[in-house]
Amino acid sequence: MDYKKSKAPVNTVTRNIMDLCSGTDNIYESVSIIAKRANQISVQIKEDLSKKLAEFASYNDSLEEVFENREQIEISRYYEKLPKPTLLATQEFVDGNVYWRDPCHEAIPQGEE
């Protein structure tokens, strides 16, 4: 997923609490859902970055051969400019792009009580 194309803001935005709890009717549950999604996004971004930087890995133990790789710097700058995972997760939650379910609130079929 290309997170650069996301509509999430790069800086922190003040949000109305009632807008965040409209889907769950509980602000704490909404924050928990956003936090879990932010962890998923963070892991995914870290894996993507690790894969891209693994191409530039040097397995020489020589300290004298330290050099700057322009492509590696560009990749690092790209990931530094991305919105933080919490901002991405919050935007996904507000847009309704996050699926969650709570087994405690699901209806029990009749005859299985």
PDB file of N, CA and C in Angstrom:
ATOM      1  N   MET A   1       0.845  -1.181   0.000  1.00  0.00           N
ATOM      2  CA  MET A   1       0.000   0.000   0.000  1.00  0.00           C
ATOM      3  C   MET A   1       0.882   1.233   0.000  1.00  0.00           C
ATOM      4  N   ASP A   2       0.526   2.193  -0.806  1.00  0.00           N
ATOM      5  CA  ASP A   2       1.295   3.427  -0.877  1.00  0.00           C
ATOM      6  C   ASP A   2       0.696   4.433   0.096  1.00  0.00           C
ATOM      7  N   TYR A   3       1.374   4.615   1.212  1.00  0.00           N
ATOM      8  CA  TYR A   3       0.861   5.493   2.256  1.00  0.00           C
ATOM      9  C   TYR A   3       1.033   6.962   1.912  1.00  0.00           C
ATOM     10  N   LYS A   4       1.852   7.258   0.936  1.00  0.00           N
ATOM     11  CA  LYS A   4       2.042   8.650   0.533  1.00  0.00           C
ATOM     12  C   LYS A   4       0.772   9.199  -0.118  1.00  0.00           C
ATOM     13  N   LYS A   5      -0.010   8.319  -0.736  1.00  0.00           N
ATOM     14  CA  LYS A   5      -1.239   8.740  -1.407  1.00  0.00           C
ATOM     15  C   LYS A   5      -2.412   8.850  -0.446  1.00  0.00           C
ATOM     16  N   SER A   6      -2.202   8.551   0.813  1.00  0.00           N
ATOM     17  CA  SER A   6      -3.254   8.634   1.810  1.00  0.00           C
ATOM     18  C   SER A   6      -3.627  10.090   2.068  1.00  0.00           C
ATOM     19  N   LYS A   7      -4.870  10.298   2.471  1.00  0.00           N
ATOM     20  CA  LYS A   7      -5.333  11.647   2.792  1.00  0.00           C
ATOM     21  C   LYS A   7      -5.001  12.045   4.223  1.00  0.00           C
ATOM     22  N   ALA A   8      -4.241  11.212   4.906  1.00  0.00           N
ATOM     23  CA  ALA A   8      -3.904  11.486   6.306  1.00  0.00           C
ATOM     24  C   ALA A   8      -3.001  12.705   6.397  1.00  0.00           C
ATOM     25  N   PRO A   9      -3.233  13.553   7.393  1.00  0.00           N
ATOM     26  CA  PRO A   9      -2.369  14.722   7.564  1.00  0.00           C
ATOM     27  C   PRO A   9      -0.985  14.319   8.059  1.00  0.00           C
ATOM     28  N   VAL A  10       0.002  15.134   7.743  1.00  0.00           N
ATOM     29  CA  VAL A  10       1.370  14.857   8.177  1.00  0.00           C
ATOM     30  C   VAL A  10       1.567  15.323   9.614  1.00  0.00           C
ATOM     31  N   ASN A  11       0.841  16.354  10.014  1.00  0.00           N
ATOM     32  CA  ASN A  11       0.935  16.880  11.372  1.00  0.00           C
ATOM     33  C   ASN A  11      -0.288  16.468  12.181  1.00  0.00           C
ATOM     34  N   THR A  12      -0.177  16.565  13.475  1.00  0.00           N
ATOM     35  CA  THR A  12      -1.272  16.218  14.364  1.00  0.00           C
ATOM     36  C   THR A  12      -2.440  17.175  14.171  1.00  0.00           C
ATOM     37  N   VAL A  13      -3.644  16.604  14.196  1.00  0.00           N
ATOM     38  CA  VAL A  13      -4.865  17.383  13.985  1.00  0.00           C
ATOM     39  C   VAL A  13      -5.779  17.182  15.186  1.00  0.00           C
ATOM     40  N   THR A  14      -6.388  18.247  15.666  1.00  0.00           N
ATOM     41  CA  THR A  14      -7.357  18.136  16.748  1.00  0.00           C
ATOM     42  C   THR A  14      -8.652  17.579  16.173  1.00  0.00           C
ATOM     43  N   ARG A  15      -9.188  16.558  16.807  1.00  0.00           N
ATOM     44  CA  ARG A  15     -10.392  15.910  16.301  1.00  0.00           C
ATOM     45  C   ARG A  15     -11.497  15.970  17.350  1.00  0.00           C
ATOM     46  N   ASN A  16     -12.727  15.925  16.876  1.00  0.00           N
ATOM     47  CA  ASN A  16     -13.880  15.896  17.756  1.00  0.00           C
ATOM     48  C   ASN A  16     -14.042  14.473  18.295  1.00  0.00           C
ATOM     49  N   ILE A  17     -14.101  14.327  19.584  1.00  0.00           N
ATOM     50  CA  ILE A  17     -14.203  13.010  20.211  1.00  0.00           C
ATOM     51  C   ILE A  17     -15.485  12.310  19.785  1.00  0.00           C
ATOM     52  N   MET A  18     -16.556  13.048  19.622  1.00  0.00           N
ATOM     53  CA  MET A  18     -17.830  12.437  19.251  1.00  0.00           C
ATOM     54  C   MET A  18     -17.772  11.837  17.851  1.00  0.00           C
ATOM     55  N   ASP A  19     -16.957  12.404  16.965  1.00  0.00           N
ATOM     56  CA  ASP A  19     -16.795  11.833  15.628  1.00  0.00           C
ATOM     57  C   ASP A  19     -16.053  10.499  15.687  1.00  0.00           C
ATOM     58  N   LEU A  20     -15.097  10.396  16.604  1.00  0.00           N
ATOM     59  CA  LEU A  20     -14.327   9.157  16.721  1.00  0.00           C
ATOM     60  C   LEU A  20     -15.135   8.021  17.339  1.00  0.00           C
ATOM     61  N   CYS A  21     -16.059   8.344  18.222  1.00  0.00           N
ATOM     62  CA  CYS A  21     -16.812   7.271  18.879  1.00  0.00           C
ATOM     63  C   CYS A  21     -18.160   7.023  18.216  1.00  0.00           C
ATOM     64  N   SER A  22     -18.404   7.605  17.053  1.00  0.00           N
ATOM     65  CA  SER A  22     -19.705   7.423  16.402  1.00  0.00           C
ATOM     66  C   SER A  22     -19.921   5.990  15.930  1.00  0.00           C
ATOM     67  N   GLY A  23     -18.879   5.299  15.516  1.00  0.00           N
ATOM     68  CA  GLY A  23     -19.031   3.932  15.020  1.00  0.00           C
ATOM     69  C   GLY A  23     -19.114   2.882  16.109  1.00  0.00           C
ATOM     70  N   THR A  24     -18.522   3.166  17.253  1.00  0.00           N
ATOM     71  CA  THR A  24     -18.471   2.166  18.323  1.00  0.00           C
ATOM     72  C   THR A  24     -19.292   2.561  19.544  1.00  0.00           C
ATOM     73  N   ASP A  25     -19.682   3.814  19.647  1.00  0.00           N
ATOM     74  CA  ASP A  25     -20.396   4.356  20.808  1.00  0.00           C
ATOM     75  C   ASP A  25     -19.559   4.301  22.077  1.00  0.00           C
ATOM     76  N   ASN A  26     -18.242   4.182  21.911  1.00  0.00           N
ATOM     77  CA  ASN A  26     -17.346   4.120  23.056  1.00  0.00           C
ATOM     78  C   ASN A  26     -15.983   4.644  22.613  1.00  0.00           C
ATOM     79  N   ILE A  27     -15.546   5.741  23.191  1.00  0.00           N
ATOM     80  CA  ILE A  27     -14.287   6.360  22.778  1.00  0.00           C
ATOM     81  C   ILE A  27     -13.102   5.448  23.068  1.00  0.00           C
ATOM     82  N   TYR A  28     -13.160   4.701  24.152  1.00  0.00           N
ATOM     83  CA  TYR A  28     -12.051   3.823  24.512  1.00  0.00           C
ATOM     84  C   TYR A  28     -11.911   2.666  23.517  1.00  0.00           C
ATOM     85  N   GLU A  29     -13.032   2.156  23.074  1.00  0.00           N
ATOM     86  CA  GLU A  29     -13.000   1.094  22.071  1.00  0.00           C
ATOM     87  C   GLU A  29     -12.469   1.630  20.744  1.00  0.00           C
ATOM     88  N   SER A  30     -12.870   2.845  20.387  1.00  0.00           N
ATOM     89  CA  SER A  30     -12.378   3.469  19.155  1.00  0.00           C
ATOM     90  C   SER A  30     -10.866   3.672  19.210  1.00  0.00           C
ATOM     91  N   VAL A  31     -10.379   4.165  20.337  1.00  0.00           N
ATOM     92  CA  VAL A  31      -8.939   4.384  20.491  1.00  0.00           C
ATOM     93  C   VAL A  31      -8.189   3.061  20.437  1.00  0.00           C
ATOM     94  N   SER A  32      -8.762   2.021  21.023  1.00  0.00           N
ATOM     95  CA  SER A  32      -8.136   0.699  20.987  1.00  0.00           C
ATOM     96  C   SER A  32      -8.050   0.171  19.555  1.00  0.00           C
ATOM     97  N   ILE A  33      -9.095   0.347  18.787  1.00  0.00           N
ATOM     98  CA  ILE A  33      -9.118  -0.093  17.392  1.00  0.00           C
ATOM     99  C   ILE A  33      -8.074   0.675  16.589  1.00  0.00           C
ATOM    100  N   ILE A  34      -8.011   1.988  16.790  1.00  0.00           N
ATOM    101  CA  ILE A  34      -7.039   2.822  16.079  1.00  0.00           C
ATOM    102  C   ILE A  34      -5.615   2.415  16.456  1.00  0.00           C
ATOM    103  N   ALA A  35      -5.385   2.129  17.731  1.00  0.00           N
ATOM    104  CA  ALA A  35      -4.041   1.742  18.180  1.00  0.00           C
ATOM    105  C   ALA A  35      -3.610   0.413  17.574  1.00  0.00           C
ATOM    106  N   LYS A  36      -4.528  -0.545  17.511  1.00  0.00           N
ATOM    107  CA  LYS A  36      -4.190  -1.839  16.922  1.00  0.00           C
ATOM    108  C   LYS A  36      -3.898  -1.693  15.436  1.00  0.00           C
ATOM    109  N   ARG A  37      -4.666  -0.873  14.750  1.00  0.00           N
ATOM    110  CA  ARG A  37      -4.425  -0.653  13.318  1.00  0.00           C
ATOM    111  C   ARG A  37      -3.105   0.087  13.112  1.00  0.00           C
ATOM    112  N   ALA A  38      -2.786   1.032  13.985  1.00  0.00           N
ATOM    113  CA  ALA A  38      -1.517   1.764  13.883  1.00  0.00           C
ATOM    114  C   ALA A  38      -0.340   0.813  14.052  1.00  0.00           C
ATOM    115  N   ASN A  39      -0.457  -0.161  14.947  1.00  0.00           N
ATOM    116  CA  ASN A  39       0.600  -1.164  15.112  1.00  0.00           C
ATOM    117  C   ASN A  39       0.769  -1.992  13.843  1.00  0.00           C
ATOM    118  N   GLN A  40      -0.334  -2.370  13.208  1.00  0.00           N
ATOM    119  CA  GLN A  40      -0.263  -3.124  11.955  1.00  0.00           C
ATOM    120  C   GLN A  40       0.427  -2.311  10.863  1.00  0.00           C
ATOM    121  N   ILE A  41       0.064  -1.044  10.753  1.00  0.00           N
ATOM    122  CA  ILE A  41       0.665  -0.169   9.745  1.00  0.00           C
ATOM    123  C   ILE A  41       2.151   0.008  10.018  1.00  0.00           C
ATOM    124  N   SER A  42       2.501   0.203  11.278  1.00  0.00           N
ATOM    125  CA  SER A  42       3.903   0.386  11.653  1.00  0.00           C
ATOM    126  C   SER A  42       4.744  -0.821  11.271  1.00  0.00           C
ATOM    127  N   VAL A  43       4.237  -2.011  11.532  1.00  0.00           N
ATOM    128  CA  VAL A  43       4.961  -3.231  11.186  1.00  0.00           C
ATOM    129  C   VAL A  43       5.119  -3.344   9.675  1.00  0.00           C
ATOM    130  N   GLN A  44       4.064  -3.012   8.947  1.00  0.00           N
ATOM    131  CA  GLN A  44       4.119  -3.102   7.487  1.00  0.00           C
ATOM    132  C   GLN A  44       5.124  -2.107   6.904  1.00  0.00           C
ATOM    133  N   ILE A  45       5.133  -0.890   7.416  1.00  0.00           N
ATOM    134  CA  ILE A  45       6.081   0.118   6.929  1.00  0.00           C
ATOM    135  C   ILE A  45       7.511  -0.301   7.256  1.00  0.00           C
ATOM    136  N   LYS A  46       7.715  -0.830   8.448  1.00  0.00           N
ATOM    137  CA  LYS A  46       9.058  -1.269   8.840  1.00  0.00           C
ATOM    138  C   LYS A  46       9.544  -2.411   7.948  1.00  0.00           C
ATOM    139  N   GLU A  47       8.667  -3.353   7.625  1.00  0.00           N
ATOM    140  CA  GLU A  47       9.041  -4.458   6.732  1.00  0.00           C
ATOM    141  C   GLU A  47       9.402  -3.939   5.346  1.00  0.00           C
ATOM    142  N   ASP A  48       8.591  -2.995   4.828  1.00  0.00           N
ATOM    143  CA  ASP A  48       8.879  -2.418   3.514  1.00  0.00           C
ATOM    144  C   ASP A  48      10.224  -1.709   3.505  1.00  0.00           C
ATOM    145  N   LEU A  49      10.484  -0.927   4.530  1.00  0.00           N
ATOM    146  CA  LEU A  49      11.751  -0.204   4.623  1.00  0.00           C
ATOM    147  C   LEU A  49      12.926  -1.175   4.741  1.00  0.00           C
ATOM    148  N   SER A  50      12.766  -2.207   5.543  1.00  0.00           N
ATOM    149  CA  SER A  50      13.847  -3.186   5.712  1.00  0.00           C
ATOM    150  C   SER A  50      14.165  -3.900   4.407  1.00  0.00           C
ATOM    151  N   LYS A  51      13.124  -4.236   3.631  1.00  0.00           N
ATOM    152  CA  LYS A  51      13.342  -4.888   2.338  1.00  0.00           C
ATOM    153  C   LYS A  51      14.104  -3.978   1.384  1.00  0.00           C
ATOM    154  N   LYS A  52      13.732  -2.703   1.364  1.00  0.00           N
ATOM    155  CA  LYS A  52      14.391  -1.774   0.445  1.00  0.00           C
ATOM    156  C   LYS A  52      15.829  -1.491   0.862  1.00  0.00           C
ATOM    157  N   LEU A  53      16.067  -1.397   2.166  1.00  0.00           N
ATOM    158  CA  LEU A  53      17.428  -1.117   2.628  1.00  0.00           C
ATOM    159  C   LEU A  53      18.316  -2.351   2.606  1.00  0.00           C
ATOM    160  N   ALA A  54      17.724  -3.531   2.566  1.00  0.00           N
ATOM    161  CA  ALA A  54      18.524  -4.760   2.504  1.00  0.00           C
ATOM    162  C   ALA A  54      19.302  -4.847   1.199  1.00  0.00           C
ATOM    163  N   GLU A  55      18.808  -4.201   0.157  1.00  0.00           N
ATOM    164  CA  GLU A  55      19.508  -4.191  -1.123  1.00  0.00           C
ATOM    165  C   GLU A  55      20.850  -3.475  -1.027  1.00  0.00           C
ATOM    166  N   PHE A  56      20.965  -2.564  -0.099  1.00  0.00           N
ATOM    167  CA  PHE A  56      22.178  -1.757   0.043  1.00  0.00           C
ATOM    168  C   PHE A  56      23.104  -2.284   1.131  1.00  0.00           C
ATOM    169  N   ALA A  57      22.743  -3.383   1.747  1.00  0.00           N
ATOM    170  CA  ALA A  57      23.537  -3.908   2.858  1.00  0.00           C
ATOM    171  C   ALA A  57      24.920  -4.331   2.367  1.00  0.00           C
ATOM    172  N   SER A  58      25.890  -3.928   3.117  1.00  0.00           N
ATOM    173  CA  SER A  58      27.269  -4.295   2.815  1.00  0.00           C
ATOM    174  C   SER A  58      27.734  -5.246   3.899  1.00  0.00           C
ATOM    175  N   TYR A  59      28.279  -6.367   3.495  1.00  0.00           N
ATOM    176  CA  TYR A  59      28.687  -7.372   4.454  1.00  0.00           C
ATOM    177  C   TYR A  59      30.186  -7.346   4.718  1.00  0.00           C
ATOM    178  N   ASN A  60      30.838  -6.268   4.353  1.00  0.00           N
ATOM    179  CA  ASN A  60      32.269  -6.107   4.632  1.00  0.00           C
ATOM    180  C   ASN A  60      32.444  -5.513   6.015  1.00  0.00           C
ATOM    181  N   ASP A  61      33.428  -5.972   6.730  1.00  0.00           N
ATOM    182  CA  ASP A  61      33.682  -5.463   8.074  1.00  0.00           C
ATOM    183  C   ASP A  61      34.709  -4.338   8.079  1.00  0.00           C
ATOM    184  N   SER A  62      34.953  -3.790   6.951  1.00  0.00           N
ATOM    185  CA  SER A  62      35.968  -2.746   6.834  1.00  0.00           C
ATOM    186  C   SER A  62      35.370  -1.387   7.201  1.00  0.00           C
ATOM    187  N   LEU A  63      35.998  -0.707   8.136  1.00  0.00           N
ATOM    188  CA  LEU A  63      35.524   0.616   8.535  1.00  0.00           C
ATOM    189  C   LEU A  63      35.970   1.694   7.549  1.00  0.00           C
ATOM    190  N   GLU A  64      36.932   1.376   6.748  1.00  0.00           N
ATOM    191  CA  GLU A  64      37.467   2.365   5.823  1.00  0.00           C
ATOM    192  C   GLU A  64      36.565   2.584   4.623  1.00  0.00           C
ATOM    193  N   GLU A  65      35.674   1.645   4.350  1.00  0.00           N
ATOM    194  CA  GLU A  65      34.854   1.726   3.150  1.00  0.00           C
ATOM    195  C   GLU A  65      33.460   2.282   3.456  1.00  0.00           C
ATOM    196  N   VAL A  66      33.380   3.300   4.252  1.00  0.00           N
ATOM    197  CA  VAL A  66      32.109   3.931   4.541  1.00  0.00           C
ATOM    198  C   VAL A  66      31.850   4.988   3.468  1.00  0.00           C
ATOM    199  N   PHE A  67      30.736   4.862   2.811  1.00  0.00           N
ATOM    200  CA  PHE A  67      30.411   5.818   1.755  1.00  0.00           C
ATOM    201  C   PHE A  67      28.916   6.110   1.792  1.00  0.00           C
ATOM    202  N   GLU A  68      28.535   7.195   1.179  1.00  0.00           N
ATOM    203  CA  GLU A  68      27.136   7.585   1.134  1.00  0.00           C
ATOM    204  C   GLU A  68      26.507   7.048  -0.138  1.00  0.00           C
ATOM    205  N   ASN A  69      25.370   6.440   0.022  1.00  0.00           N
ATOM    206  CA  ASN A  69      24.637   5.936  -1.116  1.00  0.00           C
ATOM    207  C   ASN A  69      23.427   6.841  -1.317  1.00  0.00           C
ATOM    208  N   ARG A  70      23.384   7.521  -2.426  1.00  0.00           N
ATOM    209  CA  ARG A  70      22.335   8.505  -2.689  1.00  0.00           C
ATOM    210  C   ARG A  70      20.944   7.863  -2.698  1.00  0.00           C
ATOM    211  N   GLU A  71      20.831   6.684  -3.267  1.00  0.00           N
ATOM    212  CA  GLU A  71      19.531   6.008  -3.319  1.00  0.00           C
ATOM    213  C   GLU A  71      19.042   5.644  -1.920  1.00  0.00           C
ATOM    214  N   GLN A  72      19.947   5.228  -1.075  1.00  0.00           N
ATOM    215  CA  GLN A  72      19.590   4.873   0.295  1.00  0.00           C
ATOM    216  C   GLN A  72      19.098   6.108   1.053  1.00  0.00           C
ATOM    217  N   ILE A  73      19.736   7.231   0.813  1.00  0.00           N
ATOM    218  CA  ILE A  73      19.322   8.475   1.462  1.00  0.00           C
ATOM    219  C   ILE A  73      17.936   8.891   0.985  1.00  0.00           C
ATOM    220  N   GLU A  74      17.669   8.738  -0.311  1.00  0.00           N
ATOM    221  CA  GLU A  74      16.359   9.095  -0.855  1.00  0.00           C
ATOM    222  C   GLU A  74      15.256   8.216  -0.264  1.00  0.00           C
ATOM    223  N   ILE A  75      15.533   6.929  -0.111  1.00  0.00           N
ATOM    224  CA  ILE A  75      14.551   6.021   0.487  1.00  0.00           C
ATOM    225  C   ILE A  75      14.271   6.424   1.933  1.00  0.00           C
ATOM    226  N   SER A  76      15.314   6.753   2.665  1.00  0.00           N
ATOM    227  CA  SER A  76      15.147   7.172   4.059  1.00  0.00           C
ATOM    228  C   SER A  76      14.340   8.459   4.156  1.00  0.00           C
ATOM    229  N   ARG A  77      14.597   9.394   3.276  1.00  0.00           N
ATOM    230  CA  ARG A  77      13.835  10.654   3.279  1.00  0.00           C
ATOM    231  C   ARG A  77      12.376  10.419   2.955  1.00  0.00           C
ATOM    232  N   TYR A  78      12.108   9.514   2.027  1.00  0.00           N
ATOM    233  CA  TYR A  78      10.724   9.195   1.669  1.00  0.00           C
ATOM    234  C   TYR A  78       9.964   8.696   2.895  1.00  0.00           C
ATOM    235  N   TYR A  79      10.574   7.774   3.640  1.00  0.00           N
ATOM    236  CA  TYR A  79       9.895   7.213   4.811  1.00  0.00           C
ATOM    237  C   TYR A  79       9.814   8.207   5.958  1.00  0.00           C
ATOM    238  N   GLU A  80      10.732   9.148   6.045  1.00  0.00           N
ATOM    239  CA  GLU A  80      10.657  10.175   7.083  1.00  0.00           C
ATOM    240  C   GLU A  80       9.508  11.141   6.830  1.00  0.00           C
ATOM    241  N   LYS A  81       9.164  11.355   5.563  1.00  0.00           N
ATOM    242  CA  LYS A  81       8.111  12.304   5.217  1.00  0.00           C
ATOM    243  C   LYS A  81       6.715  11.702   5.296  1.00  0.00           C
ATOM    244  N   LEU A  82       6.616  10.401   5.455  1.00  0.00           N
ATOM    245  CA  LEU A  82       5.309   9.760   5.559  1.00  0.00           C
ATOM    246  C   LEU A  82       4.599  10.185   6.840  1.00  0.00           C
ATOM    247  N   PRO A  83       3.265  10.214   6.810  1.00  0.00           N
ATOM    248  CA  PRO A  83       2.539  10.463   8.062  1.00  0.00           C
ATOM    249  C   PRO A  83       2.795   9.337   9.054  1.00  0.00           C
ATOM    250  N   LYS A  84       2.708   9.643  10.315  1.00  0.00           N
ATOM    251  CA  LYS A  84       2.930   8.644  11.358  1.00  0.00           C
ATOM    252  C   LYS A  84       1.814   7.585  11.300  1.00  0.00           C
ATOM    253  N   PRO A  85       2.121   6.358  11.724  1.00  0.00           N
ATOM    254  CA  PRO A  85       1.105   5.294  11.676  1.00  0.00           C
ATOM    255  C   PRO A  85      -0.179   5.621  12.433  1.00  0.00           C
ATOM    256  N   THR A  86      -0.072   6.354  13.533  1.00  0.00           N
ATOM    257  CA  THR A  86      -1.292   6.707  14.278  1.00  0.00           C
ATOM    258  C   THR A  86      -2.176   7.644  13.469  1.00  0.00           C
ATOM    259  N   LEU A  87      -1.566   8.563  12.727  1.00  0.00           N
ATOM    260  CA  LEU A  87      -2.350   9.471  11.893  1.00  0.00           C
ATOM    261  C   LEU A  87      -2.987   8.725  10.732  1.00  0.00           C
ATOM    262  N   LEU A  88      -2.259   7.782  10.155  1.00  0.00           N
ATOM    263  CA  LEU A  88      -2.818   6.966   9.070  1.00  0.00           C
ATOM    264  C   LEU A  88      -3.984   6.122   9.567  1.00  0.00           C
ATOM    265  N   ALA A  89      -3.811   5.499  10.737  1.00  0.00           N
ATOM    266  CA  ALA A  89      -4.863   4.648  11.301  1.00  0.00           C
ATOM    267  C   ALA A  89      -6.101   5.470  11.669  1.00  0.00           C
ATOM    268  N   THR A  90      -5.889   6.641  12.219  1.00  0.00           N
ATOM    269  CA  THR A  90      -7.021   7.503  12.572  1.00  0.00           C
ATOM    270  C   THR A  90      -7.784   7.921  11.330  1.00  0.00           C
ATOM    271  N   GLN A  91      -7.078   8.275  10.268  1.00  0.00           N
ATOM    272  CA  GLN A  91      -7.743   8.673   9.027  1.00  0.00           C
ATOM    273  C   GLN A  91      -8.522   7.495   8.434  1.00  0.00           C
ATOM    274  N   GLU A  92      -7.947   6.301   8.458  1.00  0.00           N
ATOM    275  CA  GLU A  92      -8.655   5.111   7.969  1.00  0.00           C
ATOM    276  C   GLU A  92      -9.918   4.863   8.792  1.00  0.00           C
ATOM    277  N   PHE A  93      -9.824   5.045  10.111  1.00  0.00           N
ATOM    278  CA  PHE A  93     -10.978   4.826  10.989  1.00  0.00           C
ATOM    279  C   PHE A  93     -12.079   5.842  10.703  1.00  0.00           C
ATOM    280  N   VAL A  94     -11.696   7.096  10.547  1.00  0.00           N
ATOM    281  CA  VAL A  94     -12.684   8.153  10.280  1.00  0.00           C
ATOM    282  C   VAL A  94     -13.342   7.936   8.919  1.00  0.00           C
ATOM    283  N   ASP A  95     -12.568   7.488   7.936  1.00  0.00           N
ATOM    284  CA  ASP A  95     -13.110   7.244   6.598  1.00  0.00           C
ATOM    285  C   ASP A  95     -13.940   5.967   6.520  1.00  0.00           C
ATOM    286  N   GLY A  96     -13.883   5.133   7.550  1.00  0.00           N
ATOM    287  CA  GLY A  96     -14.642   3.890   7.561  1.00  0.00           C
ATOM    288  C   GLY A  96     -13.949   2.758   6.817  1.00  0.00           C
ATOM    289  N   ASN A  97     -12.627   2.823   6.696  1.00  0.00           N
ATOM    290  CA  ASN A  97     -11.870   1.798   5.970  1.00  0.00           C
ATOM    291  C   ASN A  97     -11.284   0.726   6.884  1.00  0.00           C
ATOM    292  N   VAL A  98     -11.648   0.735   8.154  1.00  0.00           N
ATOM    293  CA  VAL A  98     -11.132  -0.245   9.103  1.00  0.00           C
ATOM    294  C   VAL A  98     -12.274  -1.185   9.482  1.00  0.00           C
ATOM    295  N   TYR A  99     -12.004  -2.481   9.343  1.00  0.00           N
ATOM    296  CA  TYR A  99     -13.004  -3.478   9.745  1.00  0.00           C
ATOM    297  C   TYR A  99     -12.619  -4.027  11.116  1.00  0.00           C
ATOM    298  N   TRP A 100     -13.579  -4.095  12.005  1.00  0.00           N
ATOM    299  CA  TRP A 100     -13.355  -4.691  13.312  1.00  0.00           C
ATOM    300  C   TRP A 100     -14.644  -5.381  13.741  1.00  0.00           C
ATOM    301  N   ARG A 101     -14.486  -6.294  14.670  1.00  0.00           N
ATOM    302  CA  ARG A 101     -15.663  -6.948  15.232  1.00  0.00           C
ATOM    303  C   ARG A 101     -15.386  -7.252  16.693  1.00  0.00           C
ATOM    304  N   ASP A 102     -16.434  -7.268  17.455  1.00  0.00           N
ATOM    305  CA  ASP A 102     -16.327  -7.562  18.882  1.00  0.00           C
ATOM    306  C   ASP A 102     -17.163  -8.805  19.164  1.00  0.00           C
ATOM    307  N   PRO A 103     -16.536  -9.933  19.454  1.00  0.00           N
ATOM    308  CA  PRO A 103     -17.290 -11.165  19.685  1.00  0.00           C
ATOM    309  C   PRO A 103     -18.247 -11.074  20.870  1.00  0.00           C
ATOM    310  N   CYS A 104     -17.997 -10.174  21.785  1.00  0.00           N
ATOM    311  CA  CYS A 104     -18.888 -10.035  22.944  1.00  0.00           C
ATOM    312  C   CYS A 104     -20.219  -9.402  22.566  1.00  0.00           C
ATOM    313  N   HIS A 105     -20.238  -8.609  21.513  1.00  0.00           N
ATOM    314  CA  HIS A 105     -21.458  -7.909  21.113  1.00  0.00           C
ATOM    315  C   HIS A 105     -22.186  -8.578  19.948  1.00  0.00           C
ATOM    316  N   GLU A 106     -21.677  -9.693  19.473  1.00  0.00           N
ATOM    317  CA  GLU A 106     -22.347 -10.374  18.372  1.00  0.00           C
ATOM    318  C   GLU A 106     -23.557 -11.129  18.899  1.00  0.00           C
ATOM    319  N   ALA A 107     -24.587 -11.201  18.091  1.00  0.00           N
ATOM    320  CA  ALA A 107     -25.814 -11.873  18.495  1.00  0.00           C
ATOM    321  C   ALA A 107     -25.613 -13.372  18.542  1.00  0.00           C
ATOM    322  N   ILE A 108     -26.233 -14.015  19.512  1.00  0.00           N
ATOM    323  CA  ILE A 108     -26.173 -15.461  19.635  1.00  0.00           C
ATOM    324  C   ILE A 108     -27.386 -16.022  18.894  1.00  0.00           C
ATOM    325  N   PRO A 109     -27.179 -16.942  17.951  1.00  0.00           N
ATOM    326  CA  PRO A 109     -28.311 -17.528  17.228  1.00  0.00           C
ATOM    327  C   PRO A 109     -29.269 -18.234  18.176  1.00  0.00           C
ATOM    328  N   GLN A 110     -30.561 -18.206  17.836  1.00  0.00           N
ATOM    329  CA  GLN A 110     -31.561 -18.824  18.698  1.00  0.00           C
ATOM    330  C   GLN A 110     -31.354 -20.325  18.761  1.00  0.00           C
ATOM    331  N   GLY A 111     -31.606 -20.903  19.910  1.00  0.00           N
ATOM    332  CA  GLY A 111     -31.475 -22.335  20.109  1.00  0.00           C
ATOM    333  C   GLY A 111     -30.064 -22.739  20.533  1.00  0.00           C
ATOM    334  N   GLU A 112     -29.130 -21.809  20.560  1.00  0.00           N
ATOM    335  CA  GLU A 112     -27.757 -22.135  20.947  1.00  0.00           C
ATOM    336  C   GLU A 112     -27.371 -21.485  22.257  1.00  0.00           C
ATOM    337  N   GLU A 113     -28.347 -21.057  23.037  1.00  0.00           N
ATOM    338  CA  GLU A 113     -28.052 -20.365  24.280  1.00  0.00           C
ATOM    339  C   GLU A 113     -27.558 -21.281  25.352  1.00  0.00           C
TER     340      GLU A 113
END
